[in-house]
């Protein structure tokens, strides 16, 4: 039971992290619009407030966490390659985008559906790559913090004598 709760907590945590990042991307798109960047097509296709990208971001992060738990099980972050990790994220985004796209393709049209699915796929891939990079940095910091304790241990008097050859 503890393992299941830990996995659920991880899924929710990953979902919230990705939701925050995707909501930030939505806000950046809004800033780009106010600066005059040609992003009106994005607004026409999504037809939602820009921070609403956080909602699919949550589901993409939670889904990716589940995929990672199955595919990446028993592997450390330094054993995983960034392109493979990004591909897993892209696959999750593609699946996430195709589920609702199948229902609305007739309403939106093929082009708009491709924009939605493509956006979710790219954002999921980038989010997965960013997640691995962040996890590696975090893991490196933990190793560095742990090595400080080792330096304080030192050698015993007998070990020092053996080391110096006395």
Protein backbone atom coordinates (compact mmCIF):
# COMPACT_ATOMS: atom_id res chain seq x y z
CA UNK A 1 0.00 0.00 0.00
CA UNK A 2 2.87 2.39 0.81
CA UNK A 3 4.35 1.83 -2.66
CA UNK A 4 1.06 2.67 -4.34
CA UNK A 5 0.64 5.87 -2.33
CA UNK A 6 4.22 6.89 -3.12
CA UNK A 7 3.61 6.36 -6.84
CA UNK A 8 0.36 8.34 -6.72
CA UNK A 9 2.13 11.16 -4.89
CA UNK A 10 4.83 11.11 -7.57
CA UNK A 11 2.23 11.24 -10.34
CA UNK A 12 0.45 14.18 -8.73
CA UNK A 13 3.77 15.95 -8.09
CA UNK A 14 4.92 15.49 -11.69
CA UNK A 15 1.49 16.59 -12.94
CA UNK A 16 1.58 19.77 -10.83
CA UNK A 17 5.13 20.54 -11.94
CA UNK A 18 4.27 20.15 -15.60
CA UNK A 19 1.03 22.10 -15.10
CA UNK A 20 3.01 25.03 -13.74
CA UNK A 21 5.45 24.89 -16.64
CA UNK A 22 2.72 24.61 -19.28
CA UNK A 23 0.71 27.42 -17.67
CA UNK A 24 3.90 29.51 -17.86
CA UNK A 25 4.22 28.70 -21.56
CA UNK A 26 0.63 29.88 -22.04
CA UNK A 27 1.44 33.15 -20.30
CA UNK A 28 4.56 33.57 -22.48
CA UNK A 29 2.41 33.07 -25.58
CA UNK A 30 0.11 35.83 -24.28
CA UNK A 31 3.12 38.11 -23.74
CA UNK A 32 4.26 37.30 -27.27
CA UNK A 33 0.83 38.31 -28.58
CA UNK A 34 1.02 41.66 -26.80
CA UNK A 35 4.48 42.21 -28.29
CA UNK A 36 3.05 41.65 -31.76
CA UNK A 37 4.31 38.13 -32.50
CA UNK A 38 2.13 36.31 -35.05
CA UNK A 39 0.48 33.81 -32.68
CA UNK A 40 -3.20 34.50 -33.39
CA UNK A 41 -3.57 31.07 -35.01
CA UNK A 42 -2.75 29.49 -31.66
CA UNK A 43 -5.53 31.43 -29.94
CA UNK A 44 -8.03 30.49 -32.69
CA UNK A 45 -7.21 26.80 -32.37
CA UNK A 46 -7.10 26.48 -28.58
CA UNK A 47 -9.90 28.97 -27.89
CA UNK A 48 -9.18 29.00 -24.14
CA UNK A 49 -7.44 31.31 -21.71
CA UNK A 50 -3.71 30.82 -22.17
CA UNK A 51 -2.92 29.66 -18.62
CA UNK A 52 -5.45 26.89 -19.28
CA UNK A 53 -2.56 24.99 -20.86
CA UNK A 54 -1.88 23.98 -17.26
CA UNK A 55 -4.76 21.49 -17.38
CA UNK A 56 -3.39 19.30 -20.19
CA UNK A 57 0.04 19.83 -18.61
CA UNK A 58 -1.16 18.20 -15.42
CA UNK A 59 -2.53 15.17 -17.25
CA UNK A 60 0.58 14.92 -19.43
CA UNK A 61 2.86 15.02 -16.37
CA UNK A 62 0.82 12.42 -14.49
CA UNK A 63 0.70 10.17 -17.56
CA UNK A 64 4.43 10.56 -18.13
CA UNK A 65 5.09 9.67 -14.50
CA UNK A 66 3.13 6.44 -14.95
CA UNK A 67 4.99 5.64 -18.19
CA UNK A 68 8.31 6.36 -16.49
CA UNK A 69 7.36 4.07 -13.62
CA UNK A 70 6.81 1.21 -16.06
CA UNK A 71 9.47 1.80 -18.73
CA UNK A 72 12.21 3.39 -16.65
CA UNK A 73 11.84 1.18 -13.62
CA UNK A 74 15.04 0.15 -11.86
CA UNK A 75 17.16 2.72 -13.71
CA UNK A 76 18.94 5.71 -12.24
CA UNK A 77 18.70 9.09 -13.94
CA UNK A 78 22.34 8.97 -15.04
CA UNK A 79 21.59 5.71 -16.89
CA UNK A 80 18.80 7.26 -18.97
CA UNK A 81 19.54 9.06 -22.22
CA UNK A 82 18.03 12.49 -22.82
CA UNK A 83 16.74 11.68 -26.35
CA UNK A 84 15.01 8.50 -25.16
CA UNK A 85 13.49 10.35 -22.22
CA UNK A 86 12.24 13.09 -24.57
CA UNK A 87 10.81 10.43 -26.90
CA UNK A 88 8.89 8.88 -24.00
CA UNK A 89 7.51 12.35 -23.24
CA UNK A 90 6.59 12.88 -26.90
CA UNK A 91 4.82 9.54 -26.99
CA UNK A 92 2.83 10.47 -23.89
CA UNK A 93 1.90 13.84 -25.41
CA UNK A 94 0.88 12.20 -28.65
CA UNK A 95 -1.39 9.75 -26.84
CA UNK A 96 -2.78 12.57 -24.69
CA UNK A 97 -3.50 14.66 -27.79
CA UNK A 98 -4.98 11.89 -29.91
CA UNK A 99 -7.61 10.87 -27.37
CA UNK A 100 -9.63 14.11 -27.50
CA UNK A 101 -8.59 14.78 -31.11
CA UNK A 102 -10.43 11.69 -32.28
CA UNK A 103 -13.62 13.14 -30.82
CA UNK A 104 -13.29 16.67 -32.22
CA UNK A 105 -11.52 16.23 -35.55
CA UNK A 106 -14.78 16.78 -37.41
CA UNK A 107 -15.49 19.96 -35.47
CA UNK A 108 -12.06 21.58 -35.62
CA UNK A 109 -10.79 20.19 -38.89
CA UNK A 110 -7.65 18.22 -39.56
CA UNK A 111 -5.30 21.23 -39.54
CA UNK A 112 -6.45 22.53 -36.17
CA UNK A 113 -6.38 19.03 -34.70
CA UNK A 114 -2.80 18.61 -35.95
CA UNK A 115 -1.86 21.87 -34.21
CA UNK A 116 -3.35 20.67 -30.93
CA UNK A 117 -1.74 17.23 -31.10
CA UNK A 118 1.58 18.68 -32.28
CA UNK A 119 1.65 21.26 -29.50
CA UNK A 120 0.92 18.66 -26.82
CA UNK A 121 3.57 16.33 -28.27
CA UNK A 122 6.26 19.01 -28.40
CA UNK A 123 5.45 20.37 -24.94
CA UNK A 124 5.51 16.86 -23.48
CA UNK A 125 8.85 16.10 -25.11
CA UNK A 126 10.40 19.33 -23.84
CA UNK A 127 8.91 18.80 -20.40
CA UNK A 128 10.33 15.28 -20.20
CA UNK A 129 13.78 16.49 -21.25
CA UNK A 130 13.58 19.30 -18.69
CA UNK A 131 12.46 16.84 -16.02
CA UNK A 132 15.48 14.61 -16.64
CA UNK A 133 17.87 17.57 -16.66
CA UNK A 134 16.39 18.86 -13.40
CA UNK A 135 16.53 15.39 -11.82
CA UNK A 136 20.19 15.01 -12.81
CA UNK A 137 21.09 18.37 -11.31
CA UNK A 138 19.21 17.49 -8.14
CA UNK A 139 20.89 14.07 -7.96
CA UNK A 140 24.35 15.66 -8.42
CA UNK A 141 23.68 18.12 -5.59
CA UNK A 142 22.63 15.29 -3.28
CA UNK A 143 25.84 13.42 -4.10
CA UNK A 144 27.93 16.52 -3.41
CA UNK A 145 26.14 17.14 -0.13
CA UNK A 146 26.68 13.51 0.87
CA UNK A 147 30.40 13.68 0.06
CA UNK A 148 30.92 16.41 2.65
CA UNK A 149 30.14 13.89 5.39
CA UNK A 150 32.72 11.48 3.99
CA UNK A 151 35.46 14.12 4.18
CA UNK A 152 34.78 14.58 7.89
CA UNK A 153 35.26 10.90 8.66
CA UNK A 154 39.03 10.82 8.11
CA UNK A 155 41.39 7.94 8.81
CA UNK A 156 42.09 6.21 12.08
CA UNK A 157 45.61 6.26 13.54
CA UNK A 158 46.26 2.70 12.33
CA UNK A 159 45.05 3.49 8.83
CA UNK A 160 47.25 6.58 8.69
CA UNK A 161 50.32 4.52 9.70
CA UNK A 162 49.55 1.87 7.05
CA UNK A 163 48.99 4.54 4.41
CA UNK A 164 52.29 6.29 5.15
CA UNK A 165 54.20 3.00 5.35
CA UNK A 166 55.44 3.44 8.96
